[in-house]
Amino acid sequence: MGVFRRGNQAVLPFLLALGLTACSHWPGFQPEESGIAVTLPAQPAAFHLDGRVSVKAGEESFSGGLVWRRDVADEELLLRTPLGQGIAELRGGPAGMELKDAEGRLFYAADADALVRKALGLELPLRGLAWWVVGLPRPAATYRARPDADGRLGELEQDGWLIYFSRYELHNNQFHPGKLVARRGDDLEVRLVIDSWKLP
């Protein structure tokens, strides 16, 4: 089974993982030339989201469902086919990460970025996506940001990626994006649409 395709041949898909800590302001912010400042939400201590993800990497592509849960102790990310069948699971915490593919094979690494490279040979914005998905830049990394018409984060340049944010909705008195599109160069694109949030 597979949904990552090069031509007609299936290739195992995957992406993502995270490391969330509280933070409010970071160096490197470039305000919009109009003078409108970007309003950033507070970092949630945990989240649980259901959504849809698609990835294009050259001639390869993947689309399917995504369930992403993160709390103080651990995290879990599940990828499914559009019909709901499991493709890959990523679980772990500070001690290390485990990836289980659709055939039941297990892969281990100290962090999610290394794990996805090891298991799948893919370079994806794993560290950043954990922050971008809630509408924040990744801390400890320089970035440039532009607000949208409402003063929320509209465009972000970080870690070699250009990320576009849209469909903001109010959750627990904070606005978080419902869709983001991350692009690197001309041949790598990640789209994430969030269908439902659960925030503490």
N, C-alpha and C. Protein backbone atom coordinates (compact mmCIF):
# COMPACT_ATOMS: atom_id res chain seq x y z
N MET A 1 0.85 -1.16 0.00
CA MET A 1 0.00 0.00 0.00
C MET A 1 0.89 1.22 0.00
N GLY A 2 0.43 2.29 -0.55
CA GLY A 2 1.19 3.51 -0.51
C GLY A 2 0.42 4.64 -1.14
N VAL A 3 0.83 5.84 -0.76
CA VAL A 3 0.18 6.98 -1.36
C VAL A 3 1.22 7.98 -1.84
N PHE A 4 2.45 7.73 -1.51
CA PHE A 4 3.53 8.56 -2.03
C PHE A 4 3.90 7.96 -3.37
N ARG A 5 3.80 8.72 -4.47
CA ARG A 5 3.94 8.11 -5.79
C ARG A 5 4.98 8.80 -6.64
N ARG A 6 5.73 7.99 -7.31
CA ARG A 6 6.59 8.46 -8.39
C ARG A 6 6.14 7.70 -9.61
N GLY A 7 5.46 8.40 -10.51
CA GLY A 7 4.83 7.70 -11.62
C GLY A 7 3.74 6.81 -11.07
N ASN A 8 3.85 5.49 -11.30
CA ASN A 8 2.86 4.54 -10.79
C ASN A 8 3.39 3.71 -9.64
N GLN A 9 4.59 4.01 -9.15
CA GLN A 9 5.17 3.19 -8.10
C GLN A 9 4.97 3.87 -6.76
N ALA A 10 4.49 3.09 -5.79
CA ALA A 10 4.23 3.65 -4.46
C ALA A 10 5.52 3.75 -3.66
N VAL A 11 5.63 4.81 -2.90
CA VAL A 11 6.77 5.04 -2.01
C VAL A 11 6.21 5.42 -0.65
N LEU A 12 6.78 4.91 0.41
CA LEU A 12 6.28 5.19 1.76
C LEU A 12 6.28 6.68 2.07
N PRO A 13 5.15 7.24 2.53
CA PRO A 13 5.08 8.66 2.87
C PRO A 13 5.33 8.91 4.34
N PHE A 14 5.67 10.14 4.62
CA PHE A 14 5.65 10.61 5.99
C PHE A 14 6.09 12.04 6.10
N LEU A 15 5.84 12.64 7.27
CA LEU A 15 6.38 13.93 7.59
C LEU A 15 6.06 14.29 9.01
N LEU A 16 6.68 15.31 9.46
CA LEU A 16 6.32 16.05 10.65
C LEU A 16 6.89 15.52 11.97
N ALA A 17 6.96 16.38 12.94
CA ALA A 17 7.12 16.14 14.36
C ALA A 17 7.45 17.42 15.04
N LEU A 18 7.60 17.42 16.35
CA LEU A 18 7.59 18.70 17.01
C LEU A 18 8.36 18.73 18.30
N GLY A 19 8.51 19.99 18.81
CA GLY A 19 9.08 20.25 20.11
C GLY A 19 8.60 21.61 20.51
N LEU A 20 7.64 21.67 21.43
CA LEU A 20 6.97 22.92 21.73
C LEU A 20 7.37 23.41 23.13
N THR A 21 7.71 24.68 23.21
CA THR A 21 7.98 25.31 24.49
C THR A 21 7.39 26.69 24.48
N ALA A 22 7.12 27.23 25.68
CA ALA A 22 6.48 28.55 25.74
C ALA A 22 7.45 29.64 25.34
N CYS A 23 6.95 30.61 24.58
CA CYS A 23 7.77 31.72 24.12
C CYS A 23 6.85 32.79 23.57
N SER A 24 7.24 34.05 23.65
CA SER A 24 6.35 35.10 23.18
C SER A 24 6.97 35.96 22.10
N HIS A 25 8.26 36.29 22.16
CA HIS A 25 8.89 37.12 21.15
C HIS A 25 10.25 36.53 20.80
N TRP A 26 10.62 36.68 19.53
CA TRP A 26 11.90 36.12 19.09
C TRP A 26 12.64 37.15 18.26
N PRO A 27 13.96 37.11 18.27
CA PRO A 27 14.72 38.03 17.42
C PRO A 27 14.54 37.65 15.96
N GLY A 28 14.72 38.63 15.09
CA GLY A 28 14.65 38.35 13.67
C GLY A 28 13.37 38.79 13.02
N PHE A 29 12.40 39.24 13.80
CA PHE A 29 11.13 39.65 13.23
C PHE A 29 11.30 40.92 12.39
N GLN A 30 10.78 40.89 11.18
CA GLN A 30 10.80 42.05 10.29
C GLN A 30 9.37 42.52 10.10
N PRO A 31 9.00 43.68 10.63
CA PRO A 31 7.62 44.14 10.46
C PRO A 31 7.32 44.50 9.02
N GLU A 32 6.05 44.48 8.67
CA GLU A 32 5.61 44.89 7.34
C GLU A 32 5.98 46.36 7.13
N GLU A 33 6.35 46.71 5.92
CA GLU A 33 6.76 48.08 5.63
C GLU A 33 5.66 49.10 5.91
N SER A 34 4.40 48.64 5.90
CA SER A 34 3.30 49.54 6.19
C SER A 34 3.27 49.95 7.64
N GLY A 35 4.03 49.26 8.48
CA GLY A 35 4.05 49.57 9.90
C GLY A 35 3.10 48.71 10.71
N ILE A 36 2.33 47.83 10.06
CA ILE A 36 1.42 46.94 10.77
C ILE A 36 2.22 45.84 11.44
N ALA A 37 2.05 45.69 12.74
CA ALA A 37 2.78 44.65 13.46
C ALA A 37 2.02 43.33 13.40
N VAL A 38 2.77 42.23 13.45
CA VAL A 38 2.15 40.91 13.47
C VAL A 38 1.75 40.58 14.91
N THR A 39 0.52 40.16 15.09
CA THR A 39 0.04 39.70 16.39
C THR A 39 0.19 38.19 16.45
N LEU A 40 1.01 37.70 17.38
CA LEU A 40 1.27 36.27 17.49
C LEU A 40 0.47 35.68 18.66
N PRO A 41 -0.06 34.47 18.49
CA PRO A 41 -0.79 33.83 19.59
C PRO A 41 0.16 33.31 20.65
N ALA A 42 -0.36 33.04 21.83
CA ALA A 42 0.43 32.37 22.86
C ALA A 42 0.66 30.92 22.45
N GLN A 43 1.82 30.38 22.82
CA GLN A 43 2.12 29.00 22.49
C GLN A 43 1.28 28.05 23.35
N PRO A 44 0.45 27.18 22.75
CA PRO A 44 -0.32 26.23 23.56
C PRO A 44 0.59 25.18 24.18
N ALA A 45 0.26 24.78 25.40
CA ALA A 45 1.06 23.75 26.07
C ALA A 45 0.86 22.38 25.44
N ALA A 46 -0.27 22.19 24.77
CA ALA A 46 -0.57 20.92 24.12
C ALA A 46 -1.60 21.19 23.03
N PHE A 47 -1.69 20.26 22.10
CA PHE A 47 -2.76 20.34 21.11
C PHE A 47 -3.07 18.98 20.54
N HIS A 48 -4.24 18.89 19.96
CA HIS A 48 -4.69 17.69 19.25
C HIS A 48 -5.43 18.20 18.03
N LEU A 49 -4.97 17.81 16.86
CA LEU A 49 -5.63 18.27 15.64
C LEU A 49 -5.90 17.11 14.71
N ASP A 50 -6.95 17.27 13.93
CA ASP A 50 -7.26 16.37 12.82
C ASP A 50 -7.25 17.20 11.55
N GLY A 51 -6.62 16.67 10.52
CA GLY A 51 -6.55 17.45 9.30
C GLY A 51 -6.17 16.61 8.10
N ARG A 52 -5.81 17.33 7.04
CA ARG A 52 -5.39 16.70 5.79
C ARG A 52 -4.07 17.30 5.35
N VAL A 53 -3.20 16.47 4.83
CA VAL A 53 -1.88 16.92 4.43
C VAL A 53 -1.58 16.44 3.02
N SER A 54 -0.88 17.27 2.27
CA SER A 54 -0.38 16.84 0.96
C SER A 54 1.05 17.31 0.82
N VAL A 55 1.85 16.50 0.16
CA VAL A 55 3.26 16.80 -0.04
C VAL A 55 3.60 16.57 -1.50
N LYS A 56 4.31 17.52 -2.09
CA LYS A 56 4.85 17.36 -3.44
C LYS A 56 6.35 17.55 -3.37
N ALA A 57 7.09 16.57 -3.84
CA ALA A 57 8.55 16.63 -3.84
C ALA A 57 9.02 16.15 -5.21
N GLY A 58 9.25 17.12 -6.09
CA GLY A 58 9.61 16.74 -7.45
C GLY A 58 8.46 16.00 -8.11
N GLU A 59 8.72 14.78 -8.57
CA GLU A 59 7.69 13.98 -9.22
C GLU A 59 6.90 13.14 -8.22
N GLU A 60 7.28 13.15 -6.96
CA GLU A 60 6.58 12.39 -5.94
C GLU A 60 5.49 13.24 -5.31
N SER A 61 4.42 12.57 -4.85
CA SER A 61 3.35 13.29 -4.18
C SER A 61 2.66 12.37 -3.19
N PHE A 62 2.07 12.99 -2.18
CA PHE A 62 1.33 12.25 -1.16
C PHE A 62 0.17 13.11 -0.71
N SER A 63 -0.97 12.49 -0.45
CA SER A 63 -2.08 13.19 0.19
C SER A 63 -2.83 12.20 1.07
N GLY A 64 -3.30 12.70 2.19
CA GLY A 64 -4.01 11.83 3.11
C GLY A 64 -4.42 12.56 4.37
N GLY A 65 -4.90 11.80 5.33
CA GLY A 65 -5.34 12.36 6.60
C GLY A 65 -4.22 12.40 7.61
N LEU A 66 -4.39 13.26 8.59
CA LEU A 66 -3.38 13.46 9.62
C LEU A 66 -4.05 13.63 10.98
N VAL A 67 -3.58 12.90 11.98
CA VAL A 67 -3.97 13.11 13.37
C VAL A 67 -2.70 13.39 14.14
N TRP A 68 -2.66 14.52 14.85
CA TRP A 68 -1.44 14.97 15.52
C TRP A 68 -1.80 15.33 16.95
N ARG A 69 -1.21 14.62 17.90
CA ARG A 69 -1.44 14.90 19.32
C ARG A 69 -0.12 15.19 20.00
N ARG A 70 -0.11 16.22 20.81
CA ARG A 70 1.10 16.57 21.55
C ARG A 70 0.73 17.09 22.92
N ASP A 71 1.39 16.55 23.97
CA ASP A 71 1.22 17.11 25.30
C ASP A 71 2.58 17.25 25.95
N VAL A 72 2.60 17.50 27.23
CA VAL A 72 3.87 17.79 27.91
C VAL A 72 4.82 16.60 27.86
N ALA A 73 4.28 15.39 27.98
CA ALA A 73 5.14 14.20 28.12
C ALA A 73 5.54 13.57 26.80
N ASP A 74 4.65 13.57 25.81
CA ASP A 74 4.97 12.84 24.59
C ASP A 74 4.18 13.41 23.41
N GLU A 75 4.35 12.77 22.27
CA GLU A 75 3.66 13.19 21.07
C GLU A 75 3.35 11.99 20.20
N GLU A 76 2.37 12.15 19.33
CA GLU A 76 1.95 11.07 18.44
C GLU A 76 1.43 11.68 17.16
N LEU A 77 1.88 11.15 16.05
CA LEU A 77 1.44 11.63 14.75
C LEU A 77 1.09 10.43 13.89
N LEU A 78 -0.12 10.43 13.36
CA LEU A 78 -0.60 9.32 12.54
C LEU A 78 -0.94 9.83 11.14
N LEU A 79 -0.50 9.11 10.13
CA LEU A 79 -0.85 9.41 8.75
C LEU A 79 -1.76 8.32 8.22
N ARG A 80 -2.80 8.76 7.47
CA ARG A 80 -3.77 7.81 6.93
C ARG A 80 -3.98 8.08 5.44
N THR A 81 -4.46 7.07 4.73
CA THR A 81 -4.87 7.28 3.35
C THR A 81 -6.14 8.13 3.35
N PRO A 82 -6.54 8.67 2.21
CA PRO A 82 -7.81 9.42 2.16
C PRO A 82 -9.01 8.59 2.60
N LEU A 83 -8.89 7.26 2.53
CA LEU A 83 -9.98 6.38 2.97
C LEU A 83 -9.87 5.99 4.44
N GLY A 84 -8.83 6.48 5.12
CA GLY A 84 -8.72 6.26 6.55
C GLY A 84 -7.82 5.13 6.98
N GLN A 85 -7.15 4.46 6.05
CA GLN A 85 -6.28 3.36 6.39
C GLN A 85 -4.92 3.87 6.85
N GLY A 86 -4.38 3.32 7.93
CA GLY A 86 -3.12 3.78 8.49
C GLY A 86 -1.95 3.56 7.56
N ILE A 87 -1.06 4.56 7.51
CA ILE A 87 0.14 4.48 6.68
C ILE A 87 1.39 4.46 7.55
N ALA A 88 1.46 5.38 8.50
CA ALA A 88 2.65 5.47 9.34
C ALA A 88 2.29 6.11 10.66
N GLU A 89 3.02 5.72 11.71
CA GLU A 89 2.83 6.28 13.04
C GLU A 89 4.18 6.76 13.57
N LEU A 90 4.17 7.93 14.15
CA LEU A 90 5.36 8.46 14.81
C LEU A 90 5.00 8.72 16.26
N ARG A 91 5.77 8.13 17.17
CA ARG A 91 5.52 8.30 18.60
C ARG A 91 6.84 8.55 19.31
N GLY A 92 6.75 9.26 20.43
CA GLY A 92 7.96 9.45 21.22
C GLY A 92 7.90 10.66 22.10
N GLY A 93 9.09 11.05 22.56
CA GLY A 93 9.23 12.18 23.46
C GLY A 93 10.69 12.56 23.55
N PRO A 94 11.07 13.21 24.66
CA PRO A 94 12.46 13.67 24.81
C PRO A 94 13.49 12.56 24.71
N ALA A 95 13.13 11.33 25.08
CA ALA A 95 14.09 10.23 25.08
C ALA A 95 14.36 9.66 23.69
N GLY A 96 13.50 9.96 22.72
CA GLY A 96 13.70 9.45 21.38
C GLY A 96 12.38 9.23 20.67
N MET A 97 12.46 8.89 19.39
CA MET A 97 11.28 8.75 18.56
C MET A 97 11.25 7.37 17.89
N GLU A 98 10.03 6.90 17.64
CA GLU A 98 9.81 5.61 16.98
C GLU A 98 8.86 5.81 15.81
N LEU A 99 9.18 5.24 14.66
CA LEU A 99 8.31 5.28 13.50
C LEU A 99 7.93 3.86 13.12
N LYS A 100 6.63 3.62 12.96
CA LYS A 100 6.12 2.32 12.53
C LYS A 100 5.43 2.51 11.19
N ASP A 101 5.86 1.76 10.17
CA ASP A 101 5.26 1.93 8.85
C ASP A 101 4.09 0.97 8.67
N ALA A 102 3.48 1.01 7.50
CA ALA A 102 2.28 0.21 7.23
C ALA A 102 2.55 -1.28 7.25
N GLU A 103 3.80 -1.69 7.03
CA GLU A 103 4.16 -3.12 7.08
C GLU A 103 4.55 -3.56 8.49
N GLY A 104 4.50 -2.66 9.45
CA GLY A 104 4.84 -3.00 10.83
C GLY A 104 6.30 -2.88 11.17
N ARG A 105 7.11 -2.39 10.25
CA ARG A 105 8.53 -2.21 10.53
C ARG A 105 8.74 -1.01 11.43
N LEU A 106 9.70 -1.13 12.35
CA LEU A 106 9.98 -0.07 13.32
C LEU A 106 11.32 0.58 13.02
N PHE A 107 11.37 1.90 13.16
CA PHE A 107 12.59 2.67 13.01
C PHE A 107 12.73 3.57 14.23
N TYR A 108 13.98 3.76 14.68
CA TYR A 108 14.23 4.57 15.87
C TYR A 108 15.28 5.63 15.58
N ALA A 109 15.15 6.77 16.25
CA ALA A 109 16.17 7.82 16.17
C ALA A 109 15.98 8.76 17.36
N ALA A 110 16.99 9.57 17.60
CA ALA A 110 16.94 10.48 18.75
C ALA A 110 15.91 11.58 18.57
N ASP A 111 15.65 12.00 17.33
CA ASP A 111 14.66 13.04 17.08
C ASP A 111 13.92 12.74 15.79
N ALA A 112 12.80 13.44 15.59
CA ALA A 112 11.93 13.13 14.45
C ALA A 112 12.59 13.46 13.12
N ASP A 113 13.36 14.55 13.08
CA ASP A 113 14.02 14.90 11.82
C ASP A 113 14.95 13.77 11.37
N ALA A 114 15.77 13.29 12.31
CA ALA A 114 16.70 12.21 11.99
C ALA A 114 15.95 10.93 11.64
N LEU A 115 14.83 10.70 12.31
CA LEU A 115 14.06 9.48 12.08
C LEU A 115 13.48 9.44 10.67
N VAL A 116 12.91 10.55 10.23
CA VAL A 116 12.32 10.58 8.88
C VAL A 116 13.41 10.46 7.82
N ARG A 117 14.56 11.10 8.06
CA ARG A 117 15.67 10.93 7.11
C ARG A 117 16.11 9.48 7.06
N LYS A 118 16.22 8.85 8.22
CA LYS A 118 16.69 7.47 8.31
C LYS A 118 15.71 6.50 7.67
N ALA A 119 14.43 6.65 7.98
CA ALA A 119 13.43 5.68 7.53
C ALA A 119 12.97 5.91 6.09
N LEU A 120 12.87 7.21 5.71
CA LEU A 120 12.25 7.52 4.44
C LEU A 120 13.15 8.27 3.47
N GLY A 121 14.28 8.77 3.94
CA GLY A 121 15.18 9.52 3.08
C GLY A 121 14.61 10.85 2.63
N LEU A 122 13.74 11.45 3.44
CA LEU A 122 13.10 12.71 3.08
C LEU A 122 13.57 13.84 3.97
N GLU A 123 13.69 15.03 3.39
CA GLU A 123 14.00 16.24 4.14
C GLU A 123 12.74 17.10 4.16
N LEU A 124 12.13 17.25 5.34
CA LEU A 124 10.89 18.00 5.49
C LEU A 124 11.01 18.92 6.70
N PRO A 125 10.17 19.97 6.78
CA PRO A 125 10.31 20.99 7.84
C PRO A 125 9.75 20.54 9.17
N LEU A 126 10.28 19.46 9.70
CA LEU A 126 9.69 18.86 10.90
C LEU A 126 9.78 19.77 12.12
N ARG A 127 10.96 20.32 12.39
CA ARG A 127 11.10 21.18 13.56
C ARG A 127 10.21 22.41 13.46
N GLY A 128 10.20 23.01 12.29
CA GLY A 128 9.43 24.23 12.13
C GLY A 128 7.93 24.01 12.13
N LEU A 129 7.48 22.92 11.54
CA LEU A 129 6.05 22.70 11.37
C LEU A 129 5.31 22.63 12.70
N ALA A 130 5.97 22.15 13.74
CA ALA A 130 5.35 22.09 15.06
C ALA A 130 4.96 23.48 15.56
N TRP A 131 5.70 24.49 15.14
CA TRP A 131 5.40 25.88 15.51
C TRP A 131 4.51 26.54 14.48
N TRP A 132 4.80 26.32 13.21
CA TRP A 132 4.04 26.97 12.15
C TRP A 132 2.57 26.58 12.19
N VAL A 133 2.29 25.33 12.59
CA VAL A 133 0.91 24.86 12.57
C VAL A 133 0.03 25.65 13.53
N VAL A 134 0.60 26.26 14.56
CA VAL A 134 -0.19 27.09 15.47
C VAL A 134 0.00 28.58 15.20
N GLY A 135 0.67 28.90 14.08
CA GLY A 135 0.81 30.29 13.69
C GLY A 135 1.96 31.03 14.33
N LEU A 136 3.07 30.32 14.61
CA LEU A 136 4.23 30.92 15.27
C LEU A 136 5.50 30.60 14.51
N PRO A 137 6.49 31.49 14.54
CA PRO A 137 7.82 31.14 14.03
C PRO A 137 8.51 30.19 15.01
N ARG A 138 9.45 29.42 14.48
CA ARG A 138 10.23 28.53 15.35
C ARG A 138 11.23 29.37 16.15
N PRO A 139 11.28 29.19 17.48
CA PRO A 139 12.23 29.96 18.29
C PRO A 139 13.67 29.60 17.96
N ALA A 140 14.57 30.48 18.34
CA ALA A 140 16.02 30.27 18.18
C ALA A 140 16.44 30.15 16.73
N ALA A 141 15.64 30.69 15.83
CA ALA A 141 16.00 30.70 14.41
C ALA A 141 15.50 32.01 13.81
N THR A 142 16.36 32.67 13.03
CA THR A 142 15.96 33.94 12.43
C THR A 142 14.83 33.74 11.45
N TYR A 143 14.06 34.79 11.24
CA TYR A 143 12.94 34.71 10.32
C TYR A 143 12.53 36.10 9.88
N ARG A 144 11.75 36.13 8.80
CA ARG A 144 11.10 37.35 8.33
C ARG A 144 9.61 37.06 8.28
N ALA A 145 8.81 38.02 8.70
CA ALA A 145 7.37 37.80 8.77
C ALA A 145 6.61 38.99 8.21
N ARG A 146 5.44 38.70 7.63
CA ARG A 146 4.55 39.75 7.16
C ARG A 146 3.16 39.46 7.69
N PRO A 147 2.43 40.49 8.12
CA PRO A 147 1.07 40.28 8.61
C PRO A 147 0.07 40.13 7.47
N ASP A 148 -1.07 39.52 7.79
CA ASP A 148 -2.17 39.54 6.84
C ASP A 148 -2.99 40.81 7.07
N ALA A 149 -4.13 40.93 6.44
CA ALA A 149 -4.93 42.15 6.54
C ALA A 149 -5.44 42.39 7.95
N ASP A 150 -5.49 41.33 8.79
CA ASP A 150 -5.98 41.46 10.16
C ASP A 150 -4.85 41.57 11.18
N GLY A 151 -3.61 41.66 10.70
CA GLY A 151 -2.48 41.77 11.61
C GLY A 151 -1.94 40.46 12.13
N ARG A 152 -2.50 39.35 11.69
CA ARG A 152 -1.99 38.04 12.09
C ARG A 152 -0.88 37.61 11.13
N LEU A 153 -0.16 36.55 11.49
CA LEU A 153 0.93 36.08 10.66
C LEU A 153 0.40 35.61 9.31
N GLY A 154 0.84 36.29 8.24
CA GLY A 154 0.37 35.95 6.91
C GLY A 154 1.40 35.21 6.08
N GLU A 155 2.66 35.66 6.15
CA GLU A 155 3.76 35.01 5.45
C GLU A 155 4.97 34.94 6.37
N LEU A 156 5.69 33.86 6.27
CA LEU A 156 6.86 33.65 7.11
C LEU A 156 7.97 33.03 6.27
N GLU A 157 9.17 33.57 6.38
CA GLU A 157 10.36 32.97 5.79
C GLU A 157 11.25 32.47 6.92
N GLN A 158 11.50 31.17 6.96
CA GLN A 158 12.32 30.59 8.03
C GLN A 158 12.87 29.25 7.59
N ASP A 159 14.11 28.98 7.98
CA ASP A 159 14.74 27.69 7.70
C ASP A 159 14.75 27.34 6.21
N GLY A 160 14.78 28.36 5.35
CA GLY A 160 14.79 28.12 3.92
C GLY A 160 13.42 27.87 3.32
N TRP A 161 12.36 27.99 4.13
CA TRP A 161 11.00 27.77 3.68
C TRP A 161 10.24 29.09 3.63
N LEU A 162 9.28 29.18 2.71
CA LEU A 162 8.33 30.29 2.67
C LEU A 162 6.96 29.70 2.99
N ILE A 163 6.34 30.21 4.06
CA ILE A 163 5.10 29.63 4.56
C ILE A 163 3.99 30.67 4.48
N TYR A 164 2.85 30.26 3.95
CA TYR A 164 1.67 31.12 3.84
C TYR A 164 0.59 30.60 4.79
N PHE A 165 -0.01 31.50 5.55
CA PHE A 165 -1.02 31.14 6.54
C PHE A 165 -2.37 31.75 6.15
N SER A 166 -3.44 30.98 6.38
CA SER A 166 -4.78 31.49 6.06
C SER A 166 -5.83 30.74 6.89
N ARG A 167 -7.08 31.13 6.70
CA ARG A 167 -8.24 30.51 7.36
C ARG A 167 -8.12 30.52 8.88
N TYR A 168 -7.74 31.64 9.43
CA TYR A 168 -7.63 31.74 10.89
C TYR A 168 -8.99 31.57 11.55
N GLU A 169 -8.99 30.87 12.70
CA GLU A 169 -10.19 30.70 13.50
C GLU A 169 -9.83 30.89 14.97
N LEU A 170 -10.82 31.29 15.74
CA LEU A 170 -10.63 31.55 17.16
C LEU A 170 -10.81 30.26 17.96
N HIS A 171 -9.79 29.91 18.74
CA HIS A 171 -9.83 28.73 19.61
C HIS A 171 -9.26 29.13 20.96
N ASN A 172 -10.03 28.96 22.02
CA ASN A 172 -9.57 29.32 23.37
C ASN A 172 -9.00 30.74 23.42
N ASN A 173 -9.73 31.67 22.81
CA ASN A 173 -9.36 33.09 22.82
C ASN A 173 -8.07 33.40 22.06
N GLN A 174 -7.62 32.46 21.22
CA GLN A 174 -6.44 32.69 20.39
C GLN A 174 -6.78 32.33 18.94
N PHE A 175 -6.26 33.12 18.01
CA PHE A 175 -6.45 32.80 16.60
C PHE A 175 -5.32 31.89 16.11
N HIS A 176 -5.70 30.76 15.50
CA HIS A 176 -4.74 29.83 14.92
C HIS A 176 -5.13 29.57 13.47
N PRO A 177 -4.13 29.36 12.59
CA PRO A 177 -4.45 29.16 11.17
C PRO A 177 -5.15 27.83 10.93
N GLY A 178 -6.03 27.83 9.94
CA GLY A 178 -6.68 26.59 9.54
C GLY A 178 -6.02 25.97 8.32
N LYS A 179 -5.12 26.73 7.70
CA LYS A 179 -4.41 26.21 6.53
C LYS A 179 -3.04 26.85 6.44
N LEU A 180 -2.04 26.06 6.08
CA LEU A 180 -0.73 26.62 5.77
C LEU A 180 -0.14 25.89 4.58
N VAL A 181 0.62 26.65 3.81
CA VAL A 181 1.33 26.11 2.65
C VAL A 181 2.79 26.48 2.81
N ALA A 182 3.66 25.49 2.87
CA ALA A 182 5.10 25.71 3.03
C ALA A 182 5.82 25.28 1.76
N ARG A 183 6.64 26.17 1.22
CA ARG A 183 7.37 25.86 -0.02
C ARG A 183 8.86 26.10 0.18
N ARG A 184 9.66 25.22 -0.41
CA ARG A 184 11.11 25.39 -0.44
C ARG A 184 11.57 25.18 -1.87
N GLY A 185 12.10 26.24 -2.47
CA GLY A 185 12.50 26.15 -3.87
C GLY A 185 11.30 25.93 -4.76
N ASP A 186 11.54 25.31 -5.91
CA ASP A 186 10.47 25.07 -6.88
C ASP A 186 9.94 23.65 -6.85
N ASP A 187 10.53 22.77 -6.02
CA ASP A 187 10.18 21.36 -6.14
C ASP A 187 9.69 20.72 -4.85
N LEU A 188 9.48 21.50 -3.77
CA LEU A 188 9.03 20.91 -2.52
C LEU A 188 7.95 21.77 -1.91
N GLU A 189 6.78 21.17 -1.68
CA GLU A 189 5.64 21.91 -1.12
C GLU A 189 4.89 21.01 -0.14
N VAL A 190 4.53 21.57 1.01
CA VAL A 190 3.73 20.88 2.01
C VAL A 190 2.48 21.73 2.27
N ARG A 191 1.32 21.12 2.16
CA ARG A 191 0.05 21.79 2.47
C ARG A 191 -0.62 21.08 3.63
N LEU A 192 -1.09 21.84 4.58
CA LEU A 192 -1.78 21.28 5.74
C LEU A 192 -3.07 22.04 5.98
N VAL A 193 -4.18 21.33 5.99
CA VAL A 193 -5.49 21.90 6.29
C VAL A 193 -5.99 21.27 7.57
N ILE A 194 -6.36 22.09 8.54
CA ILE A 194 -6.80 21.59 9.84
C ILE A 194 -8.32 21.60 9.87
N ASP A 195 -8.91 20.42 10.10
CA ASP A 195 -10.36 20.30 10.16
C ASP A 195 -10.91 20.52 11.56
N SER A 196 -10.13 20.16 12.59
CA SER A 196 -10.58 20.37 13.96
C SER A 196 -9.41 20.49 14.91
N TRP A 197 -9.55 21.37 15.89
CA TRP A 197 -8.55 21.60 16.94
C TRP A 197 -9.11 21.15 18.29
N LYS A 198 -8.23 20.67 19.16
CA LYS A 198 -8.53 20.52 20.58
C LYS A 198 -7.35 21.14 21.31
N LEU A 199 -7.62 22.23 22.04
CA LEU A 199 -6.57 22.93 22.76
C LEU A 199 -6.93 23.02 24.23
N PRO A 200 -5.95 22.92 25.13
CA PRO A 200 -6.27 22.99 26.57
C PRO A 200 -6.75 24.39 26.97
